[in-house]
C-alpha atoms as a PDB file:
ATOM      1  CA  MET A   1       4.257  16.231  24.923  1.00  0.00           C
ATOM      2  CA  ASN A   2       4.729  19.660  26.583  1.00  0.00           C
ATOM      3  CA  GLY A   3       3.270  21.755  23.780  1.00  0.00           C
ATOM      4  CA  ILE A   4       4.558  19.773  20.866  1.00  0.00           C
ATOM      5  CA  ARG A   5       1.068  18.504  20.107  1.00  0.00           C
ATOM      6  CA  THR A   6       0.348  22.000  18.826  1.00  0.00           C
ATOM      7  CA  GLU A   7       3.652  22.246  16.966  1.00  0.00           C
ATOM      8  CA  ARG A   8       2.810  21.358  13.385  1.00  0.00           C
ATOM      9  CA  LYS A   9       6.425  21.180  12.285  1.00  0.00           C
ATOM     10  CA  CYS A  10       7.127  18.358  14.710  1.00  0.00           C
ATOM     11  CA  ILE A  11       3.922  16.586  13.737  1.00  0.00           C
ATOM     12  CA  GLU A  12       4.966  16.827  10.094  1.00  0.00           C
ATOM     13  CA  ILE A  13       8.421  15.373  10.843  1.00  0.00           C
ATOM     14  CA  LEU A  14       6.853  12.469  12.723  1.00  0.00           C
ATOM     15  CA  ARG A  15       4.369  11.880   9.915  1.00  0.00           C
ATOM     16  CA  LEU A  16       7.113  11.809   7.261  1.00  0.00           C
ATOM     17  CA  LEU A  17       9.186   9.379   9.302  1.00  0.00           C
ATOM     18  CA  LYS A  18       6.129   7.161   9.676  1.00  0.00           C
ATOM     19  CA  GLU A  19       5.548   7.180   5.896  1.00  0.00           C
ATOM     20  CA  HIS A  20       9.221   6.411   5.197  1.00  0.00           C
ATOM     21  CA  PRO A  21      10.336   3.599   7.514  1.00  0.00           C
ATOM     22  CA  GLU A  22      13.957   3.621   6.324  1.00  0.00           C
ATOM     23  CA  PRO A  23      16.268   5.964   8.307  1.00  0.00           C
ATOM     24  CA  MET A  24      16.048   9.506   6.967  1.00  0.00           C
ATOM     25  CA  GLY A  25      18.402  12.443   7.458  1.00  0.00           C
ATOM     26  CA  ALA A  26      17.724  16.138   7.960  1.00  0.00           C
ATOM     27  CA  LYS A  27      18.435  17.030   4.319  1.00  0.00           C
ATOM     28  CA  ARG A  28      15.838  14.638   2.912  1.00  0.00           C
ATOM     29  CA  LEU A  29      13.325  15.628   5.602  1.00  0.00           C
ATOM     30  CA  SER A  30      13.866  19.280   4.744  1.00  0.00           C
ATOM     31  CA  GLU A  31      13.144  18.543   1.054  1.00  0.00           C
ATOM     32  CA  LEU A  32       9.959  16.626   1.842  1.00  0.00           C
ATOM     33  CA  MET A  33       8.733  19.245   4.280  1.00  0.00           C
ATOM     34  CA  ALA A  34       9.219  21.958   1.658  1.00  0.00           C
ATOM     35  CA  GLU A  35       6.928  20.007  -0.660  1.00  0.00           C
ATOM     36  CA  HIS A  36       4.278  20.190   2.057  1.00  0.00           C
ATOM     37  CA  GLY A  37       4.632  23.909   2.709  1.00  0.00           C
ATOM     38  CA  PHE A  38       7.122  23.820   5.625  1.00  0.00           C
ATOM     39  CA  VAL A  39      10.274  25.630   4.498  1.00  0.00           C
ATOM     40  CA  LEU A  40      13.017  24.745   6.998  1.00  0.00           C
ATOM     41  CA  SER A  41      16.772  24.610   6.651  1.00  0.00           C
ATOM     42  CA  ASP A  42      18.658  21.382   7.337  1.00  0.00           C
ATOM     43  CA  ARG A  43      19.889  22.963  10.563  1.00  0.00           C
ATOM     44  CA  ALA A  44      16.356  23.810  11.676  1.00  0.00           C
ATOM     45  CA  VAL A  45      15.229  20.245  10.992  1.00  0.00           C
ATOM     46  CA  GLN A  46      18.200  18.982  13.034  1.00  0.00           C
ATOM     47  CA  TYR A  47      17.018  21.163  15.931  1.00  0.00           C
ATOM     48  CA  TYR A  48      13.543  19.631  15.853  1.00  0.00           C
ATOM     49  CA  LEU A  49      14.986  16.132  15.517  1.00  0.00           C
ATOM     50  CA  ARG A  50      17.127  16.594  18.629  1.00  0.00           C
ATOM     51  CA  SER A  51      14.020  17.693  20.532  1.00  0.00           C
ATOM     52  CA  LEU A  52      12.116  14.655  19.299  1.00  0.00           C
ATOM     53  CA  ASP A  53      15.051  12.423  20.313  1.00  0.00           C
ATOM     54  CA  GLU A  54      14.932  13.854  23.820  1.00  0.00           C
ATOM     55  CA  MET A  55      11.208  13.187  24.034  1.00  0.00           C
ATOM     56  CA  GLY A  56      11.739   9.590  22.985  1.00  0.00           C
ATOM     57  CA  PHE A  57       9.798   9.841  19.708  1.00  0.00           C
ATOM     58  CA  THR A  58      12.778   9.405  17.336  1.00  0.00           C
ATOM     59  CA  GLU A  59      16.169   7.768  17.485  1.00  0.00           C
ATOM     60  CA  LYS A  60      19.317   8.103  15.410  1.00  0.00           C
ATOM     61  CA  ILE A  61      20.569   5.069  13.473  1.00  0.00           C
ATOM     62  CA  GLY A  62      24.280   5.714  13.068  1.00  0.00           C
ATOM     63  CA  ASN A  63      24.928   8.140  10.193  1.00  0.00           C
ATOM     64  CA  ARG A  64      21.916   6.924   8.219  1.00  0.00           C
ATOM     65  CA  GLY A  65      19.342   9.196   9.844  1.00  0.00           C
ATOM     66  CA  ARG A  66      16.368   8.954  12.188  1.00  0.00           C
ATOM     67  CA  VAL A  67      13.520   6.499  12.575  1.00  0.00           C
ATOM     68  CA  LEU A  68      10.429   6.570  14.754  1.00  0.00           C
ATOM     69  CA  THR A  69      10.436   4.816  18.091  1.00  0.00           C
ATOM     70  CA  PRO A  70       7.306   2.909  19.172  1.00  0.00           C
ATOM     71  CA  GLY A  71       6.459   5.979  21.233  1.00  0.00           C
ATOM     72  CA  GLY A  72       6.769   8.148  18.139  1.00  0.00           C
ATOM     73  CA  VAL A  73       4.481   5.856  16.174  1.00  0.00           C
ATOM     74  CA  ALA A  74       1.859   6.037  18.925  1.00  0.00           C
ATOM     75  CA  GLU A  75       2.215   9.814  19.162  1.00  0.00           C
ATOM     76  CA  ILE A  76       1.671  10.530  15.457  1.00  0.00           C
ATOM     77  CA  GLU A  77      -1.245   8.130  15.312  1.00  0.00           C
ATOM     78  CA  ASN A  78      -2.929  10.046  18.138  1.00  0.00           C
ATOM     79  CA  ALA A  79      -1.739  13.564  17.376  1.00  0.00           C
ATOM     80  CA  LEU A  80      -4.339  16.051  16.240  1.00  0.00           C
ATOM     81  CA  VAL A  81      -6.403  14.126  13.728  1.00  0.00           C
ATOM     82  CA  GLY A  82      -7.946  17.471  12.811  1.00  0.00           C
ATOM     83  CA  GLU A  83      -4.537  18.674  11.665  1.00  0.00           C
ATOM     84  CA  ARG A  84      -4.454  15.857   9.124  1.00  0.00           C
ATOM     85  CA  ILE A  85      -7.961  16.378   7.734  1.00  0.00           C
ATOM     86  CA  GLY A  86      -7.566  17.870   4.277  1.00  0.00           C
ATOM     87  CA  PHE A  87      -3.874  17.018   4.070  1.00  0.00           C
ATOM     88  CA  VAL A  88      -4.399  14.543   1.230  1.00  0.00           C
ATOM     89  CA  ILE A  89      -6.246  16.965  -1.033  1.00  0.00           C
ATOM     90  CA  SER A  90      -3.769  19.753  -0.236  1.00  0.00           C
ATOM     91  CA  LYS A  91      -0.887  17.540  -1.311  1.00  0.00           C
ATOM     92  CA  LEU A  92      -2.636  16.591  -4.554  1.00  0.00           C
ATOM     93  CA  GLU A  93      -3.470  20.210  -5.304  1.00  0.00           C
ATOM     94  CA  ARG A  94       0.199  21.159  -4.943  1.00  0.00           C
ATOM     95  CA  LEU A  95       1.147  18.432  -7.400  1.00  0.00           C
ATOM     96  CA  ALA A  96      -1.482  19.662  -9.846  1.00  0.00           C
ATOM     97  CA  VAL A  97      -0.018  23.170  -9.748  1.00  0.00           C
ATOM     98  CA  ARG A  98       3.441  21.736 -10.500  1.00  0.00           C
ATOM     99  CA  THR A  99       2.164  19.676 -13.430  1.00  0.00           C
ATOM    100  CA  THR A 100       3.344  21.188 -16.719  1.00  0.00           C
ATOM    101  CA  PHE A 101       2.242  18.434 -19.100  1.00  0.00           C
ATOM    102  CA  ASP A 102       1.050  19.529 -22.551  1.00  0.00           C
ATOM    103  CA  PRO A 103      -1.025  16.766 -24.202  1.00  0.00           C
ATOM    104  CA  LEU A 104      -0.629  18.293 -27.665  1.00  0.00           C
ATOM    105  CA  SER A 105       3.165  18.074 -27.618  1.00  0.00           C
ATOM    106  CA  GLY A 106       3.405  15.150 -25.196  1.00  0.00           C
ATOM    107  CA  THR A 107       5.990  17.026 -23.133  1.00  0.00           C
ATOM    108  CA  GLY A 108       6.242  18.429 -19.628  1.00  0.00           C
ATOM    109  CA  ASP A 109       5.936  17.020 -16.118  1.00  0.00           C
ATOM    110  CA  VAL A 110       3.188  14.726 -14.873  1.00  0.00           C
ATOM    111  CA  ALA A 111       2.293  13.792 -11.287  1.00  0.00           C
ATOM    112  CA  TYR A 112       3.234  10.259 -10.299  1.00  0.00           C
ATOM    113  CA  ASN A 113       2.809   7.566  -7.683  1.00  0.00           C
ATOM    114  CA  LEU A 114       5.808   5.581  -6.467  1.00  0.00           C
ATOM    115  CA  SER A 115       5.399   1.893  -5.608  1.00  0.00           C
ATOM    116  CA  ILE A 116       8.233   0.033  -3.891  1.00  0.00           C
ATOM    117  CA  VAL A 117       8.444  -3.756  -4.157  1.00  0.00           C
ATOM    118  CA  PRO A 118      11.099  -6.342  -3.255  1.00  0.00           C
ATOM    119  CA  ASP A 119      13.241  -7.343  -6.231  1.00  0.00           C
ATOM    120  CA  THR A 120      11.903 -10.878  -5.882  1.00  0.00           C
ATOM    121  CA  GLU A 121       8.374  -9.582  -6.604  1.00  0.00           C
ATOM    122  CA  VAL A 122       9.171  -7.513  -9.710  1.00  0.00           C
ATOM    123  CA  ASP A 123       7.995 -10.046 -12.285  1.00  0.00           C
ATOM    124  CA  ARG A 124       4.717 -10.665 -10.442  1.00  0.00           C
ATOM    125  CA  VAL A 125       4.049  -6.952 -10.116  1.00  0.00           C
ATOM    126  CA  ARG A 126       4.771  -6.386 -13.805  1.00  0.00           C
ATOM    127  CA  LYS A 127       2.311  -9.126 -14.701  1.00  0.00           C
ATOM    128  CA  ALA A 128      -0.365  -7.614 -12.435  1.00  0.00           C
ATOM    129  CA  PHE A 129       0.193  -4.103 -13.830  1.00  0.00           C
ATOM    130  CA  ASP A 130       0.195  -5.321 -17.440  1.00  0.00           C
ATOM    131  CA  ALA A 131      -3.128  -7.099 -16.946  1.00  0.00           C
ATOM    132  CA  VAL A 132      -4.791  -3.881 -15.762  1.00  0.00           C
ATOM    133  CA  ILE A 133      -3.377  -1.916 -18.695  1.00  0.00           C
ATOM    134  CA  THR A 134      -4.554  -4.568 -21.159  1.00  0.00           C
ATOM    135  CA  ALA A 135      -8.040  -4.493 -19.599  1.00  0.00           C
ATOM    136  CA  GLY A 136      -8.140  -0.703 -19.981  1.00  0.00           C
ATOM    137  CA  CYS A 137      -8.965   0.087 -16.372  1.00  0.00           C
ATOM    138  CA  GLY A 138      -5.888   2.098 -15.453  1.00  0.00           C
ATOM    139  CA  PHE A 139      -5.352   5.833 -15.856  1.00  0.00           C
ATOM    140  CA  PHE A 140      -2.422   5.582 -18.273  1.00  0.00           C
ATOM    141  CA  ASP A 141      -1.298   2.768 -20.540  1.00  0.00           C
ATOM    142  CA  ALA A 142       2.317   2.453 -19.337  1.00  0.00           C
ATOM    143  CA  TYR A 143       4.514   2.648 -16.239  1.00  0.00           C
ATOM    144  CA  GLY A 144       8.172   3.287 -15.564  1.00  0.00           C
ATOM    145  CA  ILE A 145      10.978   2.168 -13.278  1.00  0.00           C
ATOM    146  CA  ALA A 146      12.517   4.586 -10.779  1.00  0.00           C
ATOM    147  CA  ASP A 147      16.303   4.852 -10.902  1.00  0.00           C
ATOM    148  CA  ASN A 148      18.560   6.226  -8.164  1.00  0.00           C
ATOM    149  CA  ASP A 149      15.710   7.286  -5.903  1.00  0.00           C
ATOM    150  CA  PRO A 150      16.821   7.567  -2.245  1.00  0.00           C
ATOM    151  CA  ARG A 151      13.385   6.394  -1.107  1.00  0.00           C
ATOM    152  CA  ILE A 152      13.997   2.931  -2.556  1.00  0.00           C
ATOM    153  CA  PRO A 153      15.918   0.693  -0.131  1.00  0.00           C
ATOM    154  CA  PRO A 154      18.494  -1.880  -1.277  1.00  0.00           C
ATOM    155  CA  GLY A 155      16.971  -5.050  -2.681  1.00  0.00           C
ATOM    156  CA  HIS A 156      13.847  -3.227  -3.880  1.00  0.00           C
ATOM    157  CA  THR A 157      12.586  -1.759  -7.155  1.00  0.00           C
ATOM    158  CA  GLY A 158      10.493   1.357  -7.644  1.00  0.00           C
ATOM    159  CA  PHE A 159       7.590   1.475 -10.090  1.00  0.00           C
ATOM    160  CA  ILE A 160       6.390   4.842 -11.398  1.00  0.00           C
ATOM    161  CA  THR A 161       2.717   5.136 -12.345  1.00  0.00           C
ATOM    162  CA  VAL A 162       0.997   8.279 -13.580  1.00  0.00           C
ATOM    163  CA  CYS A 163      -1.219   9.871 -10.925  1.00  0.00           C
ATOM    164  CA  SER A 164      -4.648  11.049 -12.053  1.00  0.00           C
ATOM    165  CA  VAL A 165      -4.016  14.475 -10.525  1.00  0.00           C
ATOM    166  CA  THR A 166      -2.133  15.076 -13.782  1.00  0.00           C
ATOM    167  CA  MET A 167      -5.567  15.691 -15.298  1.00  0.00           C
ATOM    168  CA  ASP A 168      -6.205  18.474 -12.783  1.00  0.00           C
ATOM    169  CA  GLY A 169      -2.935  20.138 -13.725  1.00  0.00           C
ATOM    170  CA  VAL A 170      -3.739  20.030 -17.436  1.00  0.00           C
ATOM    171  CA  PHE A 171      -7.210  21.499 -16.874  1.00  0.00           C
ATOM    172  CA  GLN A 172      -5.827  24.283 -14.684  1.00  0.00           C
ATOM    173  CA  ARG A 173      -3.206  25.252 -17.279  1.00  0.00           C
ATOM    174  CA  GLN A 174      -6.060  25.592 -19.765  1.00  0.00           C
ATOM    175  CA  GLY A 175      -7.914  27.931 -17.419  1.00  0.00           C
ATOM    176  CA  ILE A 176     -10.478  25.386 -16.225  1.00  0.00           C
ATOM    177  CA  PRO A 177     -11.064  25.327 -12.445  1.00  0.00           C
ATOM    178  CA  VAL A 178     -11.318  21.716 -11.317  1.00  0.00           C
ATOM    179  CA  GLU A 179     -12.151  20.100  -7.994  1.00  0.00           C
ATOM    180  CA  MET A 180     -11.191  16.568  -6.991  1.00  0.00           C
ATOM    181  CA  LYS A 181     -14.426  15.496  -5.310  1.00  0.00           C
ATOM    182  CA  TYR A 182     -14.402  11.791  -4.474  1.00  0.00           C
ATOM    183  CA  GLY A 183     -12.434   8.601  -4.547  1.00  0.00           C
ATOM    184  CA  GLY A 184     -14.631   5.558  -4.849  1.00  0.00           C
ATOM    185  CA  ARG A 185     -15.339   1.964  -5.771  1.00  0.00           C
ATOM    186  CA  ILE A 186     -17.261   1.329  -8.941  1.00  0.00           C
ATOM    187  CA  ALA A 187     -18.962  -1.975  -9.775  1.00  0.00           C
ATOM    188  CA  ILE A 188     -18.772  -2.967 -13.412  1.00  0.00           C
ATOM    189  CA  LYS A 189     -20.788  -5.778 -14.961  1.00  0.00           C
ATOM    190  CA  LYS A 190     -21.190  -6.724 -18.593  1.00  0.00           C
ATOM    191  CA  HIS A 191     -24.376  -5.371 -20.159  1.00  0.00           C
ATOM    192  CA  GLU A 192     -25.151  -3.234 -17.094  1.00  0.00           C
ATOM    193  CA  GLN A 193     -24.500   0.413 -16.329  1.00  0.00           C
ATOM    194  CA  PRO A 194     -21.597   0.862 -13.901  1.00  0.00           C
ATOM    195  CA  ARG A 195     -22.523   2.098 -10.433  1.00  0.00           C
ATOM    196  CA  PHE A 196     -20.592   3.552  -7.547  1.00  0.00           C
ATOM    197  CA  LEU A 197     -20.644   1.454  -4.385  1.00  0.00           C
ATOM    198  CA  ASP A 198     -18.806   3.821  -2.038  1.00  0.00           C
ATOM    199  CA  LEU A 199     -17.496   7.378  -2.244  1.00  0.00           C
ATOM    200  CA  ILE A 200     -15.208   9.278   0.137  1.00  0.00           C
ATOM    201  CA  ALA A 201     -14.778  13.040  -0.196  1.00  0.00           C
ATOM    202  CA  TYR A 202     -11.137  14.079  -0.488  1.00  0.00           C
ATOM    203  CA  ARG A 203     -11.673  17.230   1.559  1.00  0.00           C
ATOM    204  CA  GLY A 204     -12.991  15.315   4.552  1.00  0.00           C
ATOM    205  CA  THR A 205     -10.382  12.601   4.995  1.00  0.00           C
ATOM    206  CA  SER A 206      -6.947  12.249   6.558  1.00  0.00           C
ATOM    207  CA  ILE A 207      -6.048   9.222   4.402  1.00  0.00           C
ATOM    208  CA  ASP A 208      -6.260   8.719   0.666  1.00  0.00           C
ATOM    209  CA  PRO A 209      -9.610   7.018  -0.049  1.00  0.00           C
ATOM    210  CA  LEU A 210      -8.212   4.655  -2.656  1.00  0.00           C
ATOM    211  CA  GLN A 211      -5.440   3.413  -0.366  1.00  0.00           C
ATOM    212  CA  LEU A 212      -8.117   2.784   2.240  1.00  0.00           C
ATOM    213  CA  PHE A 213     -10.182   0.638  -0.149  1.00  0.00           C
ATOM    214  CA  ILE A 214      -7.104  -1.351  -1.178  1.00  0.00           C
ATOM    215  CA  ALA A 215      -5.960  -1.928   2.412  1.00  0.00           C
ATOM    216  CA  ALA A 216      -9.458  -3.071   3.379  1.00  0.00           C
ATOM    217  CA  GLY A 217      -9.566  -5.610   0.561  1.00  0.00           C
ATOM    218  CA  LEU A 218     -12.625  -3.953  -0.991  1.00  0.00           C
ATOM    219  CA  THR A 219     -11.555  -4.151  -4.631  1.00  0.00           C
ATOM    220  CA  ALA A 220     -12.100  -6.893  -7.200  1.00  0.00           C
ATOM    221  CA  VAL A 221      -9.774  -5.733  -9.961  1.00  0.00           C
ATOM    222  CA  HIS A 222      -8.558  -9.259 -10.702  1.00  0.00           C
ATOM    223  CA  ALA A 223     -12.132 -10.348 -11.349  1.00  0.00           C
ATOM    224  CA  TYR A 224     -12.579  -7.456 -13.750  1.00  0.00           C
ATOM    225  CA  VAL A 225      -9.398  -8.069 -15.758  1.00  0.00           C
ATOM    226  CA  THR A 226     -10.170 -11.777 -16.084  1.00  0.00           C
ATOM    227  CA  THR A 227     -13.963 -11.810 -16.544  1.00  0.00           C
ATOM    228  CA  GLY A 228     -15.071  -8.256 -17.288  1.00  0.00           C
ATOM    229  CA  ASP A 229     -17.113  -8.126 -14.067  1.00  0.00           C
ATOM    230  CA  GLY A 230     -15.570  -6.645 -10.938  1.00  0.00           C
ATOM    231  CA  VAL A 231     -15.026  -3.703  -8.607  1.00  0.00           C
ATOM    232  CA  THR A 232     -12.429  -1.125  -9.571  1.00  0.00           C
ATOM    233  CA  LEU A 233     -11.250   2.231  -8.240  1.00  0.00           C
ATOM    234  CA  ALA A 234     -12.250   5.554  -9.750  1.00  0.00           C
ATOM    235  CA  ASN A 235     -12.103   9.273  -9.047  1.00  0.00           C
ATOM    236  CA  ILE A 236     -14.727  11.929  -9.613  1.00  0.00           C
ATOM    237  CA  ARG A 237     -13.834  15.495 -10.496  1.00  0.00           C
ATOM    238  CA  GLN A 238     -16.063  18.444 -11.221  1.00  0.00           C
ATOM    239  CA  VAL A 239     -15.607  21.486 -13.442  1.00  0.00           C
ATOM    240  CA  PRO A 240     -18.000  24.316 -14.363  1.00  0.00           C
ATOM    241  CA  LEU A 241     -20.563  23.117 -16.906  1.00  0.00           C
ATOM    242  CA  PRO A 242     -19.665  25.797 -19.517  1.00  0.00           C
ATOM    243  CA  ALA A 243     -16.197  24.194 -19.795  1.00  0.00           C
ATOM    244  CA  GLU A 244     -17.669  20.981 -21.260  1.00  0.00           C
ATOM    245  CA  ASP A 245     -16.534  21.523 -24.853  1.00  0.00           C
ATOM    246  CA  LYS A 246     -12.998  22.459 -23.775  1.00  0.00           C
ATOM    247  CA  VAL A 247     -12.855  19.440 -21.465  1.00  0.00           C
ATOM    248  CA  ARG A 248     -13.755  17.133 -24.331  1.00  0.00           C
ATOM    249  CA  GLU A 249     -10.970  18.639 -26.470  1.00  0.00           C
ATOM    250  CA  ILE A 250      -8.425  18.094 -23.702  1.00  0.00           C
ATOM    251  CA  VAL A 251      -9.641  14.557 -23.049  1.00  0.00           C
ATOM    252  CA  GLN A 252      -9.245  13.677 -26.725  1.00  0.00           C
ATOM    253  CA  ALA A 253      -5.712  15.075 -26.786  1.00  0.00           C
ATOM    254  CA  MET A 254      -4.741  13.136 -23.656  1.00  0.00           C
ATOM    255  CA  ARG A 255      -6.226   9.923 -25.006  1.00  0.00           C
ATOM    256  CA  SER A 256      -4.068  10.270 -28.105  1.00  0.00           C
ATOM    257  CA  VAL A 257      -0.900  10.003 -25.998  1.00  0.00           C
ATOM    258  CA  GLY A 258      -1.954   7.073 -23.802  1.00  0.00           C
ATOM    259  CA  PHE A 259      -4.394   8.282 -21.145  1.00  0.00           C
ATOM    260  CA  VAL A 260      -7.400   6.026 -20.633  1.00  0.00           C
ATOM    261  CA  PHE A 261     -10.065   8.273 -19.058  1.00  0.00           C
ATOM    262  CA  PRO A 262     -12.844   9.126 -18.744  1.00  0.00           C
ATOM    263  CA  LEU A 263     -15.381   6.519 -17.773  1.00  0.00           C
ATOM    264  CA  ALA A 264     -18.124   9.096 -18.118  1.00  0.00           C
ATOM    265  CA  THR A 265     -18.777  12.842 -18.155  1.00  0.00           C
ATOM    266  CA  GLY A 266     -22.018  14.730 -17.653  1.00  0.00           C
ATOM    267  CA  GLU A 267     -24.308  16.598 -15.282  1.00  0.00           C
ATOM    268  CA  LYS A 268     -25.419  13.151 -14.096  1.00  0.00           C
ATOM    269  CA  ILE A 269     -23.208  10.084 -14.285  1.00  0.00           C
ATOM    270  CA  PHE A 270     -24.139   6.550 -13.329  1.00  0.00           C
ATOM    271  CA  ASN A 271     -26.001   6.448 -10.001  1.00  0.00           C
ATOM    272  CA  LEU A 272     -24.884   9.880  -8.760  1.00  0.00           C
ATOM    273  CA  LEU A 273     -27.210  12.827  -8.279  1.00  0.00           C
ATOM    274  CA  ARG A 274     -27.487  15.315 -11.120  1.00  0.00           C
ATOM    275  CA  ASP A 275     -25.730  18.661 -10.692  1.00  0.00           C
ATOM    276  CA  PRO A 276     -27.174  21.195 -13.145  1.00  0.00           C
ATOM    277  CA  HIS A 277     -24.231  23.572 -12.768  1.00  0.00           C
ATOM    278  CA  ARG A 278     -21.235  21.249 -12.733  1.00  0.00           C
ATOM    279  CA  LEU A 279     -19.796  18.732 -15.165  1.00  0.00           C
ATOM    280  CA  SER A 280     -18.770  15.539 -13.373  1.00  0.00           C
ATOM    281  CA  ILE A 281     -15.877  13.517 -14.763  1.00  0.00           C
ATOM    282  CA  ALA A 282     -15.417   9.916 -13.628  1.00  0.00           C
ATOM    283  CA  SER A 283     -12.121   8.247 -14.483  1.00  0.00           C
ATOM    284  CA  TYR A 284     -10.376   5.013 -13.613  1.00  0.00           C
ATOM    285  CA  SER A 285      -7.564   5.472 -11.119  1.00  0.00           C
ATOM    286  CA  GLY A 286      -3.969   4.490 -11.718  1.00  0.00           C
ATOM    287  CA  MET A 287      -4.250   2.844  -8.310  1.00  0.00           C
ATOM    288  CA  ASN A 288      -6.050  -0.058 -10.005  1.00  0.00           C
ATOM    289  CA  LEU A 289      -2.583  -1.317 -10.958  1.00  0.00           C
ATOM    290  CA  ILE A 290      -1.555  -1.330  -7.316  1.00  0.00           C
ATOM    291  CA  ALA A 291      -4.884  -2.830  -6.202  1.00  0.00           C
ATOM    292  CA  HIS A 292      -4.460  -5.725  -8.624  1.00  0.00           C
ATOM    293  CA  ALA A 293      -0.916  -6.404  -7.415  1.00  0.00           C
ATOM    294  CA  ALA A 294      -2.159  -6.379  -3.812  1.00  0.00           C
ATOM    295  CA  GLU A 295      -5.007  -8.758  -4.666  1.00  0.00           C
ATOM    296  CA  GLU A 296      -2.442 -11.101  -6.231  1.00  0.00           C
ATOM    297  CA  GLY A 297      -0.545 -11.196  -2.945  1.00  0.00           C
ATOM    298  CA  CYS A 298       2.381  -9.036  -4.012  1.00  0.00           C
ATOM    299  CA  THR A 299       4.295  -7.107  -1.368  1.00  0.00           C
ATOM    300  CA  ILE A 300       3.895  -3.507  -2.476  1.00  0.00           C
ATOM    301  CA  LYS A 301       3.977  -0.125  -0.763  1.00  0.00           C
ATOM    302  CA  THR A 302       2.789   2.960  -2.628  1.00  0.00           C
ATOM    303  CA  GLU A 303       3.194   6.676  -2.044  1.00  0.00           C
ATOM    304  CA  ILE A 304       0.337   8.440  -3.841  1.00  0.00           C
ATOM    305  CA  GLY A 305       1.404  11.772  -5.270  1.00  0.00           C
ATOM    306  CA  ALA A 306       5.117  11.100  -4.806  1.00  0.00           C
ATOM    307  CA  GLY A 307       6.093  14.099  -6.934  1.00  0.00           C
ATOM    308  CA  ASN A 308       6.315  15.325 -10.513  1.00  0.00           C
ATOM    309  CA  ILE A 309       8.403  13.765 -13.240  1.00  0.00           C
ATOM    310  CA  PRO A 310       8.998  14.290 -16.998  1.00  0.00           C
ATOM    311  CA  PHE A 311       6.356  12.514 -19.085  1.00  0.00           C
ATOM    312  CA  SER A 312       9.151  10.792 -21.025  1.00  0.00           C
ATOM    313  CA  ARG A 313      10.002   8.771 -17.895  1.00  0.00           C
ATOM    314  CA  VAL A 314       6.762   6.799 -18.149  1.00  0.00           C
ATOM    315  CA  THR A 315       6.437   6.341 -21.900  1.00  0.00           C
END
């Protein structure tokens, strides 16, 4: 690739085109790259795109923008895995910083996930989402519909679900340092204490752990919403132990406006090791809605941490 393997800007362009299969122009790429810390003008992005065209990794589709070629797909899948380690947590941390939600007033911006489904699947997806909300194993008790979003192709509908990184943003605005530790699967059975089956550290992965569990078919959300026994998705965060009382105040305020968490808080939760200096917070993930839809056979594609949006858009 004549040096481009070490050129992070080009890697980022290829990665964005891989995540967004519809043709994308320089303006939209410039906006997305800015969200990820690469501030480039439209003209600069055009320069990199022309180079990628010449190398055979991208191609122009009329006036609609660029897409990856098969060679581009292979290149980004092989390019510097080490460059992508930690990308997921970095993206979520940026969204947390941009979260301005105030649980006391119920105003401000929350972080959200964007799920895109064919129009023919909308009713099935709604039914799957509603079942999770009724069972109380989501992160928030409502979802919204995305309007006029350029990421949604014709013949498709966008669903907005609140991302749990919203919690991180609220804690940070209250002066509480918080660390997203793990994404995991948690087994829940009636009359038994829940237990984590698998955990993946966010700082050591190049793919979101919860998307990985969903893609691998390792959830049993449908079983949980229908019988009360199943395997759902959850996140674990940690904050300094002295912040416990403040955390409980914030949790109560967030519950009052529709948030479902937490599953548990404490120095030791479920089958995890005790940490005498940190308070662990386990919460259901909003990705349980998406997992249930996938289990039901719905065609659904989700971008975790798609951006920030006014809280009123999902209530």
